[in-house]
Protein backbone atom coordinates (compact mmCIF):
# COMPACT_ATOMS: atom_id res chain seq x y z
CA UNK A 1 100.05 -45.84 -44.13
CA UNK A 2 97.17 -47.23 -46.36
CA UNK A 3 93.62 -46.16 -45.40
CA UNK A 4 92.60 -49.68 -44.86
CA UNK A 5 95.36 -50.16 -42.09
CA UNK A 6 94.34 -46.85 -40.60
CA UNK A 7 90.67 -47.78 -40.36
CA UNK A 8 91.68 -51.11 -38.74
CA UNK A 9 93.74 -49.40 -36.19
CA UNK A 10 91.24 -46.97 -35.33
CA UNK A 11 88.68 -49.92 -34.86
CA UNK A 12 91.22 -51.90 -32.55
CA UNK A 13 91.80 -48.61 -30.45
CA UNK A 14 88.00 -48.36 -29.93
CA UNK A 15 87.43 -51.95 -28.93
CA UNK A 16 90.56 -52.00 -26.69
CA UNK A 17 89.10 -48.85 -24.86
CA UNK A 18 85.58 -49.75 -24.82
CA UNK A 19 85.37 -49.75 -20.89
CA UNK A 20 86.99 -46.35 -20.91
CA UNK A 21 84.51 -45.05 -23.63
CA UNK A 22 81.63 -46.34 -21.70
CA UNK A 23 82.74 -44.70 -18.32
CA UNK A 24 83.47 -41.34 -20.10
CA UNK A 25 80.20 -41.37 -21.87
CA UNK A 26 78.21 -41.81 -18.65
CA UNK A 27 80.34 -39.07 -16.90
CA UNK A 28 79.69 -36.78 -19.97
CA UNK A 29 76.03 -37.34 -19.77
CA UNK A 30 76.02 -36.64 -16.02
CA UNK A 31 78.39 -33.61 -16.03
CA UNK A 32 76.25 -31.75 -18.71
CA UNK A 33 73.60 -31.06 -16.05
CA UNK A 34 75.95 -31.09 -12.90
CA UNK A 35 74.72 -28.28 -10.69
CA UNK A 36 71.20 -27.82 -11.71
CA UNK A 37 68.45 -28.85 -9.48
CA UNK A 38 66.66 -31.31 -11.89
CA UNK A 39 70.03 -32.77 -13.02
CA UNK A 40 69.83 -35.18 -16.10
CA UNK A 41 65.94 -34.68 -16.31
CA UNK A 42 66.72 -31.53 -18.47
CA UNK A 43 68.03 -33.74 -21.14
CA UNK A 44 64.45 -35.14 -21.53
CA UNK A 45 62.54 -31.84 -20.75
CA UNK A 46 63.69 -29.92 -23.77
CA UNK A 47 62.88 -32.45 -26.46
CA UNK A 48 59.40 -33.01 -25.05
CA UNK A 49 58.66 -29.41 -24.85
CA UNK A 50 59.85 -28.99 -28.43
CA UNK A 51 57.38 -31.75 -29.63
CA UNK A 52 54.55 -30.23 -27.61
CA UNK A 53 55.24 -26.84 -29.23
CA UNK A 54 55.38 -28.08 -32.57
CA UNK A 55 52.26 -30.28 -32.05
CA UNK A 56 50.40 -27.29 -30.80
CA UNK A 57 51.44 -24.98 -33.53
CA UNK A 58 50.86 -27.46 -36.48
CA UNK A 59 47.79 -29.50 -35.27
CA UNK A 60 45.95 -27.07 -33.11
CA UNK A 61 46.96 -23.75 -34.84
CA UNK A 62 47.27 -24.87 -38.37
CA UNK A 63 44.73 -27.90 -37.91
CA UNK A 64 47.08 -30.40 -39.35
CA UNK A 65 44.97 -33.17 -37.88
CA UNK A 66 46.12 -36.12 -40.05
CA UNK A 67 48.67 -37.20 -42.54
CA UNK A 68 48.20 -39.14 -45.54
CA UNK A 69 51.09 -41.38 -46.05
CA UNK A 70 52.39 -43.22 -49.23
CA UNK A 71 50.96 -46.40 -47.64
CA UNK A 72 47.49 -44.95 -47.95
CA UNK A 73 47.30 -44.75 -43.98
CA UNK A 74 46.14 -41.65 -42.39
CA UNK A 75 48.12 -41.15 -39.18
CA UNK A 76 47.59 -38.71 -36.33
CA UNK A 77 49.85 -35.59 -36.84
CA UNK A 78 51.52 -36.04 -33.33
CA UNK A 79 52.63 -39.63 -34.17
CA UNK A 80 53.92 -38.76 -37.52
CA UNK A 81 55.77 -35.68 -36.13
CA UNK A 82 57.54 -37.38 -33.25
CA UNK A 83 58.64 -40.21 -35.57
CA UNK A 84 60.60 -37.56 -37.40
CA UNK A 85 61.71 -35.45 -34.54
CA UNK A 86 62.98 -38.31 -32.37
CA UNK A 87 66.00 -39.40 -34.87
CA UNK A 88 66.39 -35.64 -35.68
CA UNK A 89 66.96 -34.76 -32.01
CA UNK A 90 69.67 -37.51 -31.92
CA UNK A 91 71.41 -36.40 -35.12
CA UNK A 92 71.51 -32.73 -34.02
CA UNK A 93 72.65 -33.45 -30.44
CA UNK A 94 75.59 -35.64 -31.64
CA UNK A 95 76.64 -33.43 -34.52
CA UNK A 96 76.68 -30.24 -32.24
CA UNK A 97 78.35 -32.09 -29.30
CA UNK A 98 80.67 -34.21 -31.19
CA UNK A 99 81.92 -31.09 -33.41
CA UNK A 100 83.11 -29.72 -30.09
CA UNK A 101 84.56 -32.96 -28.50
CA UNK A 102 88.12 -32.16 -28.86
CA UNK A 103 87.82 -28.49 -27.65
CA UNK A 104 85.83 -29.51 -24.63
CA UNK A 105 88.11 -32.30 -23.72
CA UNK A 106 91.27 -30.22 -24.65
CA UNK A 107 93.01 -31.34 -21.55
CA UNK A 108 93.01 -34.97 -22.50
CA UNK A 109 93.97 -34.07 -26.21
CA UNK A 110 97.26 -32.73 -24.77
CA UNK A 111 98.12 -35.91 -22.95
CA UNK A 112 100.37 -38.01 -24.87
CA UNK A 113 99.18 -41.40 -23.78
CA UNK A 114 95.42 -40.67 -24.19
CA UNK A 115 93.66 -42.19 -27.33
CA UNK A 116 91.93 -39.07 -28.42
CA UNK A 117 90.18 -41.16 -31.32
CA UNK A 118 87.44 -42.12 -28.80
CA UNK A 119 86.59 -38.57 -27.93
CA UNK A 120 83.97 -38.09 -30.72
CA UNK A 121 82.44 -41.44 -29.72
CA UNK A 122 82.01 -40.52 -26.23
CA UNK A 123 79.65 -37.66 -27.32
CA UNK A 124 77.81 -40.10 -29.56
CA UNK A 125 77.20 -42.67 -26.80
CA UNK A 126 76.32 -39.93 -24.26
CA UNK A 127 73.50 -38.77 -26.65
CA UNK A 128 72.46 -42.28 -27.36
CA UNK A 129 71.15 -42.57 -23.63
CA UNK A 130 68.44 -39.88 -24.26
CA UNK A 131 67.76 -41.24 -27.74
CA UNK A 132 67.02 -44.76 -26.48
CA UNK A 133 64.58 -43.28 -23.76
CA UNK A 134 62.68 -41.35 -26.64
CA UNK A 135 62.37 -44.54 -28.69
CA UNK A 136 60.76 -46.16 -25.59
CA UNK A 137 58.63 -43.09 -25.02
CA UNK A 138 57.58 -42.91 -28.80
CA UNK A 139 56.61 -46.75 -28.72
CA UNK A 140 54.42 -46.30 -25.65
CA UNK A 141 52.94 -43.17 -27.19
CA UNK A 142 52.01 -45.00 -30.40
CA UNK A 143 50.59 -47.86 -28.08
CA UNK A 144 48.34 -45.35 -26.56
CA UNK A 145 46.89 -44.46 -30.00
CA UNK A 146 46.37 -48.15 -30.85
CA UNK A 147 49.62 -48.73 -33.01
CA UNK A 148 51.23 -51.54 -31.17
CA UNK A 149 54.83 -52.53 -31.49
CA UNK A 150 55.65 -55.57 -33.88
CA UNK A 151 58.59 -56.85 -35.70
CA UNK A 152 58.72 -53.94 -37.86
CA UNK A 153 59.11 -51.60 -34.74
CA UNK A 154 62.56 -53.33 -34.24
CA UNK A 155 63.80 -51.79 -37.30
CA UNK A 156 64.27 -48.59 -35.31
CA UNK A 157 67.45 -50.34 -33.84
CA UNK A 158 68.52 -50.84 -37.39
CA UNK A 159 68.04 -47.23 -38.24
CA UNK A 160 69.74 -46.00 -35.17
CA UNK A 161 72.89 -47.92 -35.86
CA UNK A 162 72.85 -46.73 -39.43
CA UNK A 163 72.59 -43.01 -38.17
CA UNK A 164 75.41 -43.73 -35.68
CA UNK A 165 77.78 -44.76 -38.42
CA UNK A 166 76.83 -41.74 -40.44
CA UNK A 167 77.36 -39.46 -37.63
CA UNK A 168 80.76 -40.98 -36.68
CA UNK A 169 82.04 -39.99 -40.14
CA UNK A 170 80.71 -36.55 -39.76
CA UNK A 171 81.91 -35.78 -36.31
CA UNK A 172 85.29 -37.17 -37.01
CA UNK A 173 85.70 -34.79 -39.67
CA UNK A 174 83.96 -31.86 -37.95
CA UNK A 175 85.83 -32.29 -34.68
CA UNK A 176 89.10 -32.30 -36.43
CA UNK A 177 88.43 -29.19 -38.69
CA UNK A 178 86.83 -27.03 -36.03
CA UNK A 179 90.15 -27.04 -33.95
CA UNK A 180 91.56 -25.02 -36.92
CA UNK A 181 88.55 -23.34 -38.29
CA UNK A 182 86.42 -22.15 -35.35
CA UNK A 183 83.47 -20.76 -37.41
CA UNK A 184 82.58 -24.29 -38.42
CA UNK A 185 80.63 -24.64 -35.25
CA UNK A 186 78.28 -21.68 -36.29
CA UNK A 187 78.09 -23.03 -39.71
CA UNK A 188 76.79 -26.42 -38.48
CA UNK A 189 74.32 -24.71 -36.33
CA UNK A 190 72.77 -22.83 -39.52
CA UNK A 191 72.80 -26.20 -41.27
CA UNK A 192 70.82 -27.90 -38.71
CA UNK A 193 68.35 -25.08 -38.56
CA UNK A 194 67.72 -25.46 -42.34
CA UNK A 195 68.14 -29.16 -42.23
CA UNK A 196 65.12 -29.87 -39.79
CA UNK A 197 62.86 -28.23 -42.67
CA UNK A 198 64.73 -29.81 -45.58
CA UNK A 199 64.85 -33.39 -44.29
CA UNK A 200 61.72 -33.11 -44.33
CA UNK A 201 60.37 -33.61 -40.83
CA UNK A 202 57.60 -30.74 -40.39
CA UNK A 203 55.81 -31.51 -43.77
CA UNK A 204 55.14 -34.45 -45.65
CA UNK A 205 56.95 -34.89 -48.91
CA UNK A 206 54.75 -37.59 -50.15
CA UNK A 207 51.59 -35.41 -49.66
CA UNK A 208 52.56 -32.52 -51.82
CA UNK A 209 52.76 -32.08 -55.72
CA UNK A 210 56.44 -31.14 -56.11
CA UNK A 211 58.76 -31.21 -59.05
CA UNK A 212 60.09 -34.79 -59.33
CA UNK A 213 63.61 -33.38 -59.58
CA UNK A 214 63.07 -31.38 -56.40
CA UNK A 215 61.84 -34.56 -54.70
CA UNK A 216 64.93 -36.51 -55.76
CA UNK A 217 67.20 -33.89 -54.54
CA UNK A 218 65.47 -33.61 -51.12
CA UNK A 219 65.73 -37.52 -50.79
CA UNK A 220 69.53 -37.43 -51.35
CA UNK A 221 69.64 -36.24 -47.87
CA UNK A 222 70.79 -39.28 -45.90
CA UNK A 223 68.57 -38.21 -42.99
CA UNK A 224 65.72 -38.50 -45.14
CA UNK A 225 66.34 -42.30 -45.23
CA UNK A 226 66.48 -42.49 -41.48
CA UNK A 227 63.43 -40.18 -40.83
CA UNK A 228 61.31 -42.25 -43.41
CA UNK A 229 62.79 -45.40 -41.81
CA UNK A 230 61.48 -44.49 -38.38
CA UNK A 231 57.96 -43.67 -39.80
CA UNK A 232 58.09 -47.02 -41.74
CA UNK A 233 58.85 -48.74 -38.72
CA UNK A 234 55.98 -47.44 -36.76
CA UNK A 235 53.34 -46.40 -39.01
CA UNK A 236 53.66 -47.79 -42.70
CA UNK A 237 54.99 -51.04 -41.39
CA UNK A 238 57.26 -51.50 -44.19
CA UNK A 239 60.95 -53.15 -44.08
CA UNK A 240 64.07 -51.29 -45.16
CA UNK A 241 64.51 -54.15 -47.86
CA UNK A 242 61.44 -52.91 -49.71
CA UNK A 243 63.41 -49.89 -50.82
CA UNK A 244 66.71 -51.44 -51.79
CA UNK A 245 67.80 -48.53 -54.07
CA UNK A 246 67.67 -46.08 -51.05
CA UNK A 247 69.25 -48.53 -48.76
CA UNK A 248 72.24 -49.12 -51.16
CA UNK A 249 72.53 -45.43 -51.73
CA UNK A 250 72.59 -44.45 -48.06
CA UNK A 251 75.14 -46.96 -47.08
CA UNK A 252 77.39 -46.19 -50.03
CA UNK A 253 77.28 -42.57 -48.89
CA UNK A 254 77.87 -43.32 -45.15
CA UNK A 255 80.74 -45.63 -45.87
CA UNK A 256 82.36 -42.92 -48.06
CA UNK A 257 81.81 -40.10 -45.45
CA UNK A 258 83.14 -42.28 -42.71
CA UNK A 259 86.35 -43.10 -44.56
CA UNK A 260 86.64 -39.43 -45.58
CA UNK A 261 85.99 -38.47 -41.83
CA UNK A 262 88.39 -40.71 -40.18
CA UNK A 263 91.04 -39.90 -42.75
CA UNK A 264 90.78 -36.17 -42.06
CA UNK A 265 90.97 -36.92 -38.27
CA UNK A 266 94.01 -38.99 -38.55
CA UNK A 267 95.77 -36.49 -40.84
CA UNK A 268 95.15 -33.58 -38.48
CA UNK A 269 95.68 -35.55 -35.26
CA UNK A 270 99.19 -34.69 -34.85
CA UNK A 271 98.68 -30.95 -34.78
CA UNK A 272 95.68 -31.00 -32.23
CA UNK A 273 97.84 -30.50 -29.16
CA UNK A 274 99.78 -27.70 -30.59
CA UNK A 275 96.61 -25.52 -31.66
CA UNK A 276 94.62 -26.26 -28.41
C-alpha cells in the first residue's frame, strides 16, 4: 500500500476515534498518580521543584543573574530558564511515556478490534494537560516580572503544535521498535540526559564565542527551534516568520520523521501481539 494511503488511513482512524482518545488520555493522566495522597498534584510538583533547583544552582550558586539575548535584551535568568525548561519537560515526558505506550497497554494491543494506532497519541495528550498548565504558569510568572503577554505570546501554541507533530513521528517509531528491542528505552533516557544540555537549555548559545560550525550543528537539533521559539515568544518578541530558514528546516525534518515513524509503526504492527 502506498505511503500516502497509509498516512490517510491513520489520520481517519485518529479522527474517528477522537472521543476514545480523549477519554483514554484523561484516564491515563489520572491513573498515573492513583493511590497517592496528593494524586495528580505530583504531576506539577516535580517540574516546579526541578526549576527551583536549577534556578538556585545557577542564579544563586553561580551568580547567573541575567542573560544577554541576541535581541539585546537582558532577561532575568529564572525567566530565560523556565522558557526553555517548559517545552523540554513536555518533550521528555512524551518521548519517555510514548515509547512505552504499547508495552504499558499490552492488554489492548492483543485485542483484535482495538485501534492500537491511537496508543502513542494517548500518551501525548495526557502529557499535554500538564504542559498547558505550565504555559499558563509561565505567562503569569513573566507578568510578575513585568513581561506582559501580547500577540507574540500566542506563538507558544504554534510551537507546542510543532513539537507535538515532531513527537508523534518519534514515538510512533520508538514505541514500535522498543517492543522488539527493549534496550531502546534505556538509550532514550541517556539521550534525554544529554539532550537537555545540548539543546541548549541551561546555557546561552548566543552569549558564547563558539566555533560557527559547532553552533550550526547544535542548531540542527529540532528542539533548539522549539526552545528558541518559546523564548522568542516570551522575551525577544520575535515571530517565527522572521527566521524562515530555521522554520522551513524544522518542518521538512519533522514531516520526514513523521512519515518514517508512521511507516515503521505500520510495518511492525502485525507482529506486536505475538511479541507482547
